[in-house]
Amino acid sequence: MGSKLNRGNQDCEVVLLCCQHCLNGEAKDSIWSLGGQGVSIRTIMMPCSSKVEVPYILKILEAGADGVEIIACPKQSCKFLVGSLRAEKRIEYIHGLLEKIGYAGERVGISRKLPQSPEELFDIAKARAKAIENLGLNPMKGE
């Protein structure tokens, strides 16, 4: 990633909210050591992507994260049947809220993939960082 979000030498911070059922053993074991190439990654394991609540994501952005990516099960693979669908609807709602306040909805996304390796998780985080690259600094991030 070339521009590091127009912030000099500061990395883009992406928070991954991961459904614990989406990751295999290797990805779970290495999830805490991801990062590099202009992307700083914080990971939070969730019991299910349906546990992602709107205020929680807004708090993550308010705390200064540049982007948030929810790692959810594919529709047919959700262990709790509709958990990933609930997460998707919440993300759509968050997009609308962020757009209304003039804050780009692209800062929050959802991936419906079963990452099987740390590299695949890192690629998902890099994709979110790339999607928000042109937005610049998180306006909620304190100096």
C-alpha atoms as a PDB file:
ATOM      1  CA  MET A   1       0.000   0.000   0.000  1.00  0.00           C
ATOM      2  CA  GLY A   2       1.679   3.132  -1.149  1.00  0.00           C
ATOM      3  CA  SER A   3       0.227   6.246   0.472  1.00  0.00           C
ATOM      4  CA  LYS A   4      -0.489   4.943   3.974  1.00  0.00           C
ATOM      5  CA  LEU A   5      -3.720   6.970   3.862  1.00  0.00           C
ATOM      6  CA  ASN A   6      -1.987  10.313   3.365  1.00  0.00           C
ATOM      7  CA  ARG A   7      -0.636  10.367   6.908  1.00  0.00           C
ATOM      8  CA  GLY A   8       3.099  10.324   6.362  1.00  0.00           C
ATOM      9  CA  ASN A   9       4.578   7.242   7.957  1.00  0.00           C
ATOM     10  CA  GLN A  10       1.561   6.283  10.104  1.00  0.00           C
ATOM     11  CA  ASP A  11      -0.111   2.980   9.211  1.00  0.00           C
ATOM     12  CA  CYS A  12      -3.774   2.618   8.387  1.00  0.00           C
ATOM     13  CA  GLU A  13      -5.501   1.036  11.389  1.00  0.00           C
ATOM     14  CA  VAL A  14      -8.058  -1.642  10.536  1.00  0.00           C
ATOM     15  CA  VAL A  15     -10.041  -3.503  13.185  1.00  0.00           C
ATOM     16  CA  LEU A  16     -11.145  -7.018  12.258  1.00  0.00           C
ATOM     17  CA  LEU A  17     -14.207  -8.307  14.116  1.00  0.00           C
ATOM     18  CA  CYS A  18     -14.013 -12.045  13.522  1.00  0.00           C
ATOM     19  CA  CYS A  19     -16.695 -14.652  14.033  1.00  0.00           C
ATOM     20  CA  GLN A  20     -14.901 -17.447  15.873  1.00  0.00           C
ATOM     21  CA  HIS A  21     -16.557 -20.015  13.594  1.00  0.00           C
ATOM     22  CA  CYS A  22     -14.984 -18.503  10.472  1.00  0.00           C
ATOM     23  CA  LEU A  23     -11.371 -19.228  11.346  1.00  0.00           C
ATOM     24  CA  ASN A  24      -9.458 -22.460  11.355  1.00  0.00           C
ATOM     25  CA  GLY A  25      -6.752 -23.283  13.912  1.00  0.00           C
ATOM     26  CA  GLU A  26      -3.850 -21.703  12.023  1.00  0.00           C
ATOM     27  CA  ALA A  27      -5.713 -18.435  11.473  1.00  0.00           C
ATOM     28  CA  LYS A  28      -6.894 -18.326  15.109  1.00  0.00           C
ATOM     29  CA  ASP A  29      -3.374 -18.968  16.420  1.00  0.00           C
ATOM     30  CA  SER A  30      -1.817 -16.220  14.290  1.00  0.00           C
ATOM     31  CA  ILE A  31      -4.590 -13.649  14.394  1.00  0.00           C
ATOM     32  CA  TRP A  32      -2.813 -11.518  16.999  1.00  0.00           C
ATOM     33  CA  SER A  33       0.387 -11.090  14.993  1.00  0.00           C
ATOM     34  CA  LEU A  34      -1.030  -9.670  11.769  1.00  0.00           C
ATOM     35  CA  GLY A  35       0.095  -6.390  10.262  1.00  0.00           C
ATOM     36  CA  GLY A  36       2.650  -4.754   8.030  1.00  0.00           C
ATOM     37  CA  GLN A  37       2.837  -3.163   4.593  1.00  0.00           C
ATOM     38  CA  GLY A  38       1.257   0.083   5.838  1.00  0.00           C
ATOM     39  CA  VAL A  39      -1.603  -1.617   7.692  1.00  0.00           C
ATOM     40  CA  SER A  40      -1.925  -1.930  11.457  1.00  0.00           C
ATOM     41  CA  ILE A  41      -4.460  -4.606  12.376  1.00  0.00           C
ATOM     42  CA  ARG A  42      -6.342  -5.078  15.613  1.00  0.00           C
ATOM     43  CA  THR A  43      -8.409  -8.227  15.897  1.00  0.00           C
ATOM     44  CA  ILE A  44     -11.358  -8.975  18.121  1.00  0.00           C
ATOM     45  CA  MET A  45     -12.890 -12.435  18.261  1.00  0.00           C
ATOM     46  CA  MET A  46     -16.672 -12.572  18.461  1.00  0.00           C
ATOM     47  CA  PRO A  47     -18.834 -15.604  19.325  1.00  0.00           C
ATOM     48  CA  CYS A  48     -20.886 -14.811  16.188  1.00  0.00           C
ATOM     49  CA  SER A  49     -20.967 -11.940  13.714  1.00  0.00           C
ATOM     50  CA  SER A  50     -24.554 -11.278  14.843  1.00  0.00           C
ATOM     51  CA  LYS A  51     -23.083  -9.953  18.104  1.00  0.00           C
ATOM     52  CA  VAL A  52     -21.749  -6.915  16.246  1.00  0.00           C
ATOM     53  CA  GLU A  53     -23.807  -3.983  17.483  1.00  0.00           C
ATOM     54  CA  VAL A  54     -24.032  -0.535  15.901  1.00  0.00           C
ATOM     55  CA  PRO A  55     -22.790   1.393  18.983  1.00  0.00           C
ATOM     56  CA  TYR A  56     -19.810  -0.959  19.270  1.00  0.00           C
ATOM     57  CA  ILE A  57     -18.643  -0.226  15.727  1.00  0.00           C
ATOM     58  CA  LEU A  58     -19.183   3.509  16.181  1.00  0.00           C
ATOM     59  CA  LYS A  59     -17.062   3.361  19.363  1.00  0.00           C
ATOM     60  CA  ILE A  60     -14.262   1.637  17.436  1.00  0.00           C
ATOM     61  CA  LEU A  61     -14.300   4.426  14.850  1.00  0.00           C
ATOM     62  CA  GLU A  62     -14.544   7.084  17.558  1.00  0.00           C
ATOM     63  CA  ALA A  63     -11.467   5.565  19.205  1.00  0.00           C
ATOM     64  CA  GLY A  64      -9.541   6.255  16.000  1.00  0.00           C
ATOM     65  CA  ALA A  65      -9.652   3.155  13.816  1.00  0.00           C
ATOM     66  CA  ASP A  66      -9.558   4.051  10.142  1.00  0.00           C
ATOM     67  CA  GLY A  67     -11.658   1.059   9.104  1.00  0.00           C
ATOM     68  CA  VAL A  68     -13.600  -1.882  10.481  1.00  0.00           C
ATOM     69  CA  GLU A  69     -14.111  -5.206   8.719  1.00  0.00           C
ATOM     70  CA  ILE A  70     -16.489  -7.849  10.017  1.00  0.00           C
ATOM     71  CA  ILE A  71     -15.463 -11.395   9.120  1.00  0.00           C
ATOM     72  CA  ALA A  72     -18.750 -13.308   8.870  1.00  0.00           C
ATOM     73  CA  CYS A  73     -19.741 -16.764   7.723  1.00  0.00           C
ATOM     74  CA  PRO A  74     -21.104 -17.261   4.227  1.00  0.00           C
ATOM     75  CA  LYS A  75     -24.920 -17.293   4.277  1.00  0.00           C
ATOM     76  CA  GLN A  76     -25.196 -21.073   3.964  1.00  0.00           C
ATOM     77  CA  SER A  77     -22.465 -21.769   6.532  1.00  0.00           C
ATOM     78  CA  CYS A  78     -23.584 -19.726   9.537  1.00  0.00           C
ATOM     79  CA  LYS A  79     -23.612 -21.953  12.598  1.00  0.00           C
ATOM     80  CA  PHE A  80     -26.437 -19.856  14.061  1.00  0.00           C
ATOM     81  CA  LEU A  81     -28.438 -19.836  10.794  1.00  0.00           C
ATOM     82  CA  VAL A  82     -29.058 -16.091  10.484  1.00  0.00           C
ATOM     83  CA  GLY A  83     -26.157 -14.558  12.418  1.00  0.00           C
ATOM     84  CA  SER A  84     -24.246 -13.345   9.400  1.00  0.00           C
ATOM     85  CA  LEU A  85     -27.458 -11.973   7.852  1.00  0.00           C
ATOM     86  CA  ARG A  86     -28.054  -9.900  10.998  1.00  0.00           C
ATOM     87  CA  ALA A  87     -24.507  -8.601  10.804  1.00  0.00           C
ATOM     88  CA  GLU A  88     -24.984  -7.651   7.154  1.00  0.00           C
ATOM     89  CA  LYS A  89     -28.161  -5.689   7.944  1.00  0.00           C
ATOM     90  CA  ARG A  90     -26.384  -3.858  10.762  1.00  0.00           C
ATOM     91  CA  ILE A  91     -23.534  -2.925   8.438  1.00  0.00           C
ATOM     92  CA  GLU A  92     -26.038  -1.524   5.922  1.00  0.00           C
ATOM     93  CA  TYR A  93     -27.615   0.513   8.733  1.00  0.00           C
ATOM     94  CA  ILE A  94     -24.193   1.804   9.828  1.00  0.00           C
ATOM     95  CA  HIS A  95     -23.408   2.838   6.240  1.00  0.00           C
ATOM     96  CA  GLY A  96     -26.581   4.934   6.228  1.00  0.00           C
ATOM     97  CA  LEU A  97     -25.777   6.539   9.591  1.00  0.00           C
ATOM     98  CA  LEU A  98     -22.239   7.384   8.571  1.00  0.00           C
ATOM     99  CA  GLU A  99     -23.375   8.870   5.260  1.00  0.00           C
ATOM    100  CA  LYS A 100     -25.960  11.055   7.055  1.00  0.00           C
ATOM    101  CA  ILE A 101     -23.296  12.622   9.244  1.00  0.00           C
ATOM    102  CA  GLY A 102     -20.912  13.120   6.337  1.00  0.00           C
ATOM    103  CA  TYR A 103     -18.618  10.317   7.401  1.00  0.00           C
ATOM    104  CA  ALA A 104     -17.815   7.806   4.670  1.00  0.00           C
ATOM    105  CA  GLY A 105     -19.668   4.514   4.996  1.00  0.00           C
ATOM    106  CA  GLU A 106     -16.787   2.756   3.224  1.00  0.00           C
ATOM    107  CA  ARG A 107     -14.890   2.745   6.497  1.00  0.00           C
ATOM    108  CA  VAL A 108     -16.982  -0.271   7.557  1.00  0.00           C
ATOM    109  CA  GLY A 109     -17.348  -3.487   5.582  1.00  0.00           C
ATOM    110  CA  ILE A 110     -18.213  -7.135   5.824  1.00  0.00           C
ATOM    111  CA  SER A 111     -16.443 -10.149   4.355  1.00  0.00           C
ATOM    112  CA  ARG A 112     -18.324 -13.388   3.934  1.00  0.00           C
ATOM    113  CA  LYS A 113     -15.331 -15.589   3.454  1.00  0.00           C
ATOM    114  CA  LEU A 114     -13.856 -18.362   5.519  1.00  0.00           C
ATOM    115  CA  PRO A 115     -10.208 -17.278   5.812  1.00  0.00           C
ATOM    116  CA  GLN A 116      -8.106 -20.356   6.306  1.00  0.00           C
ATOM    117  CA  SER A 117      -4.756 -18.710   6.899  1.00  0.00           C
ATOM    118  CA  PRO A 118      -3.234 -15.624   8.509  1.00  0.00           C
ATOM    119  CA  GLU A 119      -2.330 -14.402   5.017  1.00  0.00           C
ATOM    120  CA  GLU A 120      -5.983 -14.476   3.929  1.00  0.00           C
ATOM    121  CA  LEU A 121      -6.977 -12.443   7.006  1.00  0.00           C
ATOM    122  CA  PHE A 122      -4.220  -9.971   6.228  1.00  0.00           C
ATOM    123  CA  ASP A 123      -5.466  -9.715   2.624  1.00  0.00           C
ATOM    124  CA  ILE A 124      -8.972  -8.905   3.891  1.00  0.00           C
ATOM    125  CA  ALA A 125      -7.563  -6.150   6.134  1.00  0.00           C
ATOM    126  CA  LYS A 126      -5.465  -4.787   3.257  1.00  0.00           C
ATOM    127  CA  ALA A 127      -8.565  -4.716   1.037  1.00  0.00           C
ATOM    128  CA  ARG A 128     -10.455  -2.624   3.646  1.00  0.00           C
ATOM    129  CA  ALA A 129      -7.429  -0.315   3.941  1.00  0.00           C
ATOM    130  CA  LYS A 130      -7.341   0.037   0.154  1.00  0.00           C
ATOM    131  CA  ALA A 131     -11.097   0.807   0.081  1.00  0.00           C
ATOM    132  CA  ILE A 132     -10.598   3.715   2.478  1.00  0.00           C
ATOM    133  CA  GLU A 133      -7.249   4.901   1.153  1.00  0.00           C
ATOM    134  CA  ASN A 134      -8.676   7.984  -0.587  1.00  0.00           C
ATOM    135  CA  LEU A 135     -10.651   9.046   2.506  1.00  0.00           C
ATOM    136  CA  GLY A 136      -7.554  10.120   4.400  1.00  0.00           C
ATOM    137  CA  LEU A 137      -7.345  10.346   8.162  1.00  0.00           C
ATOM    138  CA  ASN A 138     -10.213   9.272  10.343  1.00  0.00           C
ATOM    139  CA  PRO A 139     -11.726  12.623  11.346  1.00  0.00           C
ATOM    140  CA  MET A 140     -12.575  11.190  14.782  1.00  0.00           C
ATOM    141  CA  LYS A 141      -8.956  10.262  15.509  1.00  0.00           C
ATOM    142  CA  GLY A 142      -7.404  12.503  18.118  1.00  0.00           C
ATOM    143  CA  GLU A 143      -4.118  14.153  17.339  1.00  0.00           C
END
